[in-house]
Amino acid sequence: MIYRDFQDLKLSALGMGAMRLPVMAGDDSAIDEAATAEMVAYAMEKGINYFDTAWGYHGGHSEEVMGRVLSRYPRESFYLATKFPGYDLSNMDQVEAIFEKQLKKCGVEYFDFYLFHNVCEMNIDAYLDEKYGIYPYLM
């Protein structure tokens, strides 16, 4: 595996996204956890150490499944990224509650990377609006 230096981290040049995990019976919200565990095991064996999920993936179940699957590995053996769901403007005043729920869903005490999801002209002003306090809270 090729690794890239990022600050004091060694990130695998290839990461594993959890937006399109295997599902059962064509139901996007019914993730095949056993197949996902096999995929993650293979990725880990090949040196992948960056895993990316998000609040809305698979009807909100991607974070839960990835959290359970990744809990089988030492926390220091991988980097986990997720995202604040700013594509839904009704979430903007819930940054703390959503962030804390994401920690629980993923079963971790911290995220290595936390991203603003789908930043565009529709939501950039809300992301930066001081009344929501998104940026200061996350920093």
C-alpha atoms as a PDB file:
ATOM      1  CA  MET A   1       0.000   0.000   0.000  1.00  0.00           C
ATOM      2  CA  ILE A   2       1.141   3.499  -0.734  1.00  0.00           C
ATOM      3  CA  TYR A   3       0.863   5.854   2.216  1.00  0.00           C
ATOM      4  CA  ARG A   4       0.749   9.624   2.231  1.00  0.00           C
ATOM      5  CA  ASP A   5       2.002  11.853   5.000  1.00  0.00           C
ATOM      6  CA  PHE A   6      -0.723  14.109   6.332  1.00  0.00           C
ATOM      7  CA  GLN A   7       0.457  16.196   9.246  1.00  0.00           C
ATOM      8  CA  ASP A   8       1.732  13.481  11.624  1.00  0.00           C
ATOM      9  CA  LEU A   9      -0.361  10.661  10.098  1.00  0.00           C
ATOM     10  CA  LYS A  10       0.383   7.976   7.518  1.00  0.00           C
ATOM     11  CA  LEU A  11      -2.820   7.636   5.496  1.00  0.00           C
ATOM     12  CA  SER A  12      -3.330   4.935   2.924  1.00  0.00           C
ATOM     13  CA  ALA A  13      -3.554   6.459  -0.545  1.00  0.00           C
ATOM     14  CA  LEU A  14      -6.659   4.347  -1.068  1.00  0.00           C
ATOM     15  CA  GLY A  15      -9.505   4.583   1.411  1.00  0.00           C
ATOM     16  CA  MET A  16     -12.748   2.678   1.782  1.00  0.00           C
ATOM     17  CA  GLY A  17     -15.992   4.588   1.444  1.00  0.00           C
ATOM     18  CA  ALA A  18     -19.170   3.311   3.065  1.00  0.00           C
ATOM     19  CA  MET A  19     -21.740   4.950   0.821  1.00  0.00           C
ATOM     20  CA  ARG A  20     -22.415   1.843  -1.235  1.00  0.00           C
ATOM     21  CA  LEU A  21     -22.015  -1.126   1.047  1.00  0.00           C
ATOM     22  CA  PRO A  22     -23.501  -4.507   0.105  1.00  0.00           C
ATOM     23  CA  VAL A  23     -27.197  -4.707   0.922  1.00  0.00           C
ATOM     24  CA  MET A  24     -29.767  -7.446   1.331  1.00  0.00           C
ATOM     25  CA  ALA A  25     -32.737  -7.950  -1.002  1.00  0.00           C
ATOM     26  CA  GLY A  26     -32.039  -4.673  -2.788  1.00  0.00           C
ATOM     27  CA  ASP A  27     -32.941  -2.640   0.317  1.00  0.00           C
ATOM     28  CA  ASP A  28     -30.409   0.197   0.622  1.00  0.00           C
ATOM     29  CA  SER A  29     -31.035   0.515   4.356  1.00  0.00           C
ATOM     30  CA  ALA A  30     -30.487  -3.218   5.021  1.00  0.00           C
ATOM     31  CA  ILE A  31     -26.705  -3.501   4.964  1.00  0.00           C
ATOM     32  CA  ASP A  32     -25.211  -6.972   4.692  1.00  0.00           C
ATOM     33  CA  GLU A  33     -22.995  -6.680   7.756  1.00  0.00           C
ATOM     34  CA  ALA A  34     -21.196  -9.990   7.207  1.00  0.00           C
ATOM     35  CA  ALA A  35     -20.218  -9.011   3.662  1.00  0.00           C
ATOM     36  CA  THR A  36     -19.176  -5.563   4.894  1.00  0.00           C
ATOM     37  CA  ALA A  37     -16.999  -7.182   7.566  1.00  0.00           C
ATOM     38  CA  GLU A  38     -15.310  -9.282   4.869  1.00  0.00           C
ATOM     39  CA  MET A  39     -14.673  -6.172   2.782  1.00  0.00           C
ATOM     40  CA  VAL A  40     -13.198  -4.296   5.732  1.00  0.00           C
ATOM     41  CA  ALA A  41     -11.029  -7.286   6.679  1.00  0.00           C
ATOM     42  CA  TYR A  42      -9.699  -7.462   3.131  1.00  0.00           C
ATOM     43  CA  ALA A  43      -9.063  -3.715   3.093  1.00  0.00           C
ATOM     44  CA  MET A  44      -7.227  -3.880   6.428  1.00  0.00           C
ATOM     45  CA  GLU A  45      -5.149  -6.859   5.257  1.00  0.00           C
ATOM     46  CA  LYS A  46      -4.103  -4.864   2.193  1.00  0.00           C
ATOM     47  CA  GLY A  47      -3.090  -1.870   4.320  1.00  0.00           C
ATOM     48  CA  ILE A  48      -6.069   0.427   3.896  1.00  0.00           C
ATOM     49  CA  ASN A  49      -6.416   2.509   7.036  1.00  0.00           C
ATOM     50  CA  TYR A  50      -8.849   5.275   6.015  1.00  0.00           C
ATOM     51  CA  PHE A  51     -12.605   4.624   6.256  1.00  0.00           C
ATOM     52  CA  ASP A  52     -15.263   7.141   5.326  1.00  0.00           C
ATOM     53  CA  THR A  53     -18.943   7.115   6.237  1.00  0.00           C
ATOM     54  CA  ALA A  54     -21.698   9.694   6.706  1.00  0.00           C
ATOM     55  CA  TRP A  55     -24.919  10.408   8.574  1.00  0.00           C
ATOM     56  CA  GLY A  56     -27.218   9.751   5.629  1.00  0.00           C
ATOM     57  CA  TYR A  57     -25.566   6.784   3.939  1.00  0.00           C
ATOM     58  CA  HIS A  58     -27.776   3.703   3.741  1.00  0.00           C
ATOM     59  CA  GLY A  59     -30.708   5.375   5.420  1.00  0.00           C
ATOM     60  CA  GLY A  60     -28.561   6.304   8.397  1.00  0.00           C
ATOM     61  CA  HIS A  61     -27.202   2.792   8.998  1.00  0.00           C
ATOM     62  CA  SER A  62     -23.734   3.080   7.463  1.00  0.00           C
ATOM     63  CA  GLU A  63     -22.223   4.689  10.564  1.00  0.00           C
ATOM     64  CA  GLU A  64     -23.711   1.983  12.798  1.00  0.00           C
ATOM     65  CA  VAL A  65     -22.476  -0.918  10.676  1.00  0.00           C
ATOM     66  CA  MET A  66     -19.044   0.580  10.096  1.00  0.00           C
ATOM     67  CA  GLY A  67     -18.761   1.252  13.817  1.00  0.00           C
ATOM     68  CA  ARG A  68     -19.549  -2.355  14.694  1.00  0.00           C
ATOM     69  CA  VAL A  69     -17.258  -3.771  12.021  1.00  0.00           C
ATOM     70  CA  LEU A  70     -14.345  -1.463  12.822  1.00  0.00           C
ATOM     71  CA  SER A  71     -14.705  -2.180  16.556  1.00  0.00           C
ATOM     72  CA  ARG A  72     -13.031  -5.528  15.824  1.00  0.00           C
ATOM     73  CA  TYR A  73      -9.766  -3.693  15.192  1.00  0.00           C
ATOM     74  CA  PRO A  74      -7.575  -1.620  17.508  1.00  0.00           C
ATOM     75  CA  ARG A  75      -8.740   1.997  17.307  1.00  0.00           C
ATOM     76  CA  GLU A  76      -5.227   3.183  16.509  1.00  0.00           C
ATOM     77  CA  SER A  77      -5.103   0.918  13.413  1.00  0.00           C
ATOM     78  CA  PHE A  78      -7.509   3.006  11.326  1.00  0.00           C
ATOM     79  CA  TYR A  79      -8.657   6.533  10.639  1.00  0.00           C
ATOM     80  CA  LEU A  80     -12.381   7.217  10.591  1.00  0.00           C
ATOM     81  CA  ALA A  81     -14.119  10.053   8.792  1.00  0.00           C
ATOM     82  CA  THR A  82     -17.762  11.034   8.843  1.00  0.00           C
ATOM     83  CA  LYS A  83     -19.702  14.124   7.901  1.00  0.00           C
ATOM     84  CA  PHE A  84     -22.137  16.693   9.234  1.00  0.00           C
ATOM     85  CA  PRO A  85     -25.368  16.410   7.199  1.00  0.00           C
ATOM     86  CA  GLY A  86     -25.636  19.982   5.962  1.00  0.00           C
ATOM     87  CA  TYR A  87     -27.501  18.895   2.851  1.00  0.00           C
ATOM     88  CA  ASP A  88     -30.571  19.013   5.142  1.00  0.00           C
ATOM     89  CA  LEU A  89     -30.867  22.630   6.268  1.00  0.00           C
ATOM     90  CA  SER A  90     -33.128  21.608   9.160  1.00  0.00           C
ATOM     91  CA  ASN A  91     -30.055  20.045  10.803  1.00  0.00           C
ATOM     92  CA  MET A  92     -28.064  23.245  11.019  1.00  0.00           C
ATOM     93  CA  ASP A  93     -29.100  24.048  14.598  1.00  0.00           C
ATOM     94  CA  GLN A  94     -28.377  20.506  15.821  1.00  0.00           C
ATOM     95  CA  VAL A  95     -24.620  20.232  15.333  1.00  0.00           C
ATOM     96  CA  GLU A  96     -23.825  19.135  18.899  1.00  0.00           C
ATOM     97  CA  ALA A  97     -26.642  16.569  19.113  1.00  0.00           C
ATOM     98  CA  ILE A  98     -25.828  15.110  15.696  1.00  0.00           C
ATOM     99  CA  PHE A  99     -22.094  14.961  16.385  1.00  0.00           C
ATOM    100  CA  GLU A 100     -22.622  13.221  19.727  1.00  0.00           C
ATOM    101  CA  LYS A 101     -25.069  10.759  18.158  1.00  0.00           C
ATOM    102  CA  GLN A 102     -22.570  10.005  15.400  1.00  0.00           C
ATOM    103  CA  LEU A 103     -19.915   9.168  17.987  1.00  0.00           C
ATOM    104  CA  LYS A 104     -22.352   6.696  19.552  1.00  0.00           C
ATOM    105  CA  LYS A 105     -23.445   5.238  16.213  1.00  0.00           C
ATOM    106  CA  CYS A 106     -19.827   4.659  15.241  1.00  0.00           C
ATOM    107  CA  GLY A 107     -18.884   3.425  18.703  1.00  0.00           C
ATOM    108  CA  VAL A 108     -15.861   5.697  18.942  1.00  0.00           C
ATOM    109  CA  GLU A 109     -14.682   8.430  21.270  1.00  0.00           C
ATOM    110  CA  TYR A 110     -13.403  10.627  18.447  1.00  0.00           C
ATOM    111  CA  PHE A 111     -13.324  11.030  14.680  1.00  0.00           C
ATOM    112  CA  ASP A 112     -10.033  11.436  12.922  1.00  0.00           C
ATOM    113  CA  PHE A 113     -11.688  13.545  10.235  1.00  0.00           C
ATOM    114  CA  TYR A 114     -15.016  15.323  10.326  1.00  0.00           C
ATOM    115  CA  LEU A 115     -16.255  16.880   7.116  1.00  0.00           C
ATOM    116  CA  PHE A 116     -18.950  19.325   6.086  1.00  0.00           C
ATOM    117  CA  HIS A 117     -21.119  17.262   3.734  1.00  0.00           C
ATOM    118  CA  ASN A 118     -22.150  18.543   0.320  1.00  0.00           C
ATOM    119  CA  VAL A 119     -21.012  22.142   0.699  1.00  0.00           C
ATOM    120  CA  CYS A 120     -22.644  24.172  -2.056  1.00  0.00           C
ATOM    121  CA  GLU A 121     -24.392  27.461  -2.746  1.00  0.00           C
ATOM    122  CA  MET A 122     -27.529  26.059  -1.062  1.00  0.00           C
ATOM    123  CA  ASN A 123     -25.918  25.667   2.379  1.00  0.00           C
ATOM    124  CA  ILE A 124     -22.563  27.451   2.608  1.00  0.00           C
ATOM    125  CA  ASP A 125     -24.112  30.492   4.295  1.00  0.00           C
ATOM    126  CA  ALA A 126     -25.815  28.292   6.895  1.00  0.00           C
ATOM    127  CA  TYR A 127     -22.596  26.362   7.573  1.00  0.00           C
ATOM    128  CA  LEU A 128     -20.872  29.657   8.325  1.00  0.00           C
ATOM    129  CA  ASP A 129     -23.775  31.419  10.054  1.00  0.00           C
ATOM    130  CA  GLU A 130     -22.711  32.238  13.618  1.00  0.00           C
ATOM    131  CA  LYS A 131     -26.227  31.605  14.967  1.00  0.00           C
ATOM    132  CA  TYR A 132     -25.769  27.872  14.320  1.00  0.00           C
ATOM    133  CA  GLY A 133     -22.244  27.749  15.738  1.00  0.00           C
ATOM    134  CA  ILE A 134     -21.274  24.808  13.546  1.00  0.00           C
ATOM    135  CA  TYR A 135     -17.700  25.789  12.811  1.00  0.00           C
ATOM    136  CA  PRO A 136     -16.802  26.922  16.353  1.00  0.00           C
ATOM    137  CA  TYR A 137     -18.361  23.809  17.920  1.00  0.00           C
ATOM    138  CA  LEU A 138     -16.516  21.425  15.639  1.00  0.00           C
ATOM    139  CA  MET A 139     -13.230  23.229  16.076  1.00  0.00           C
END
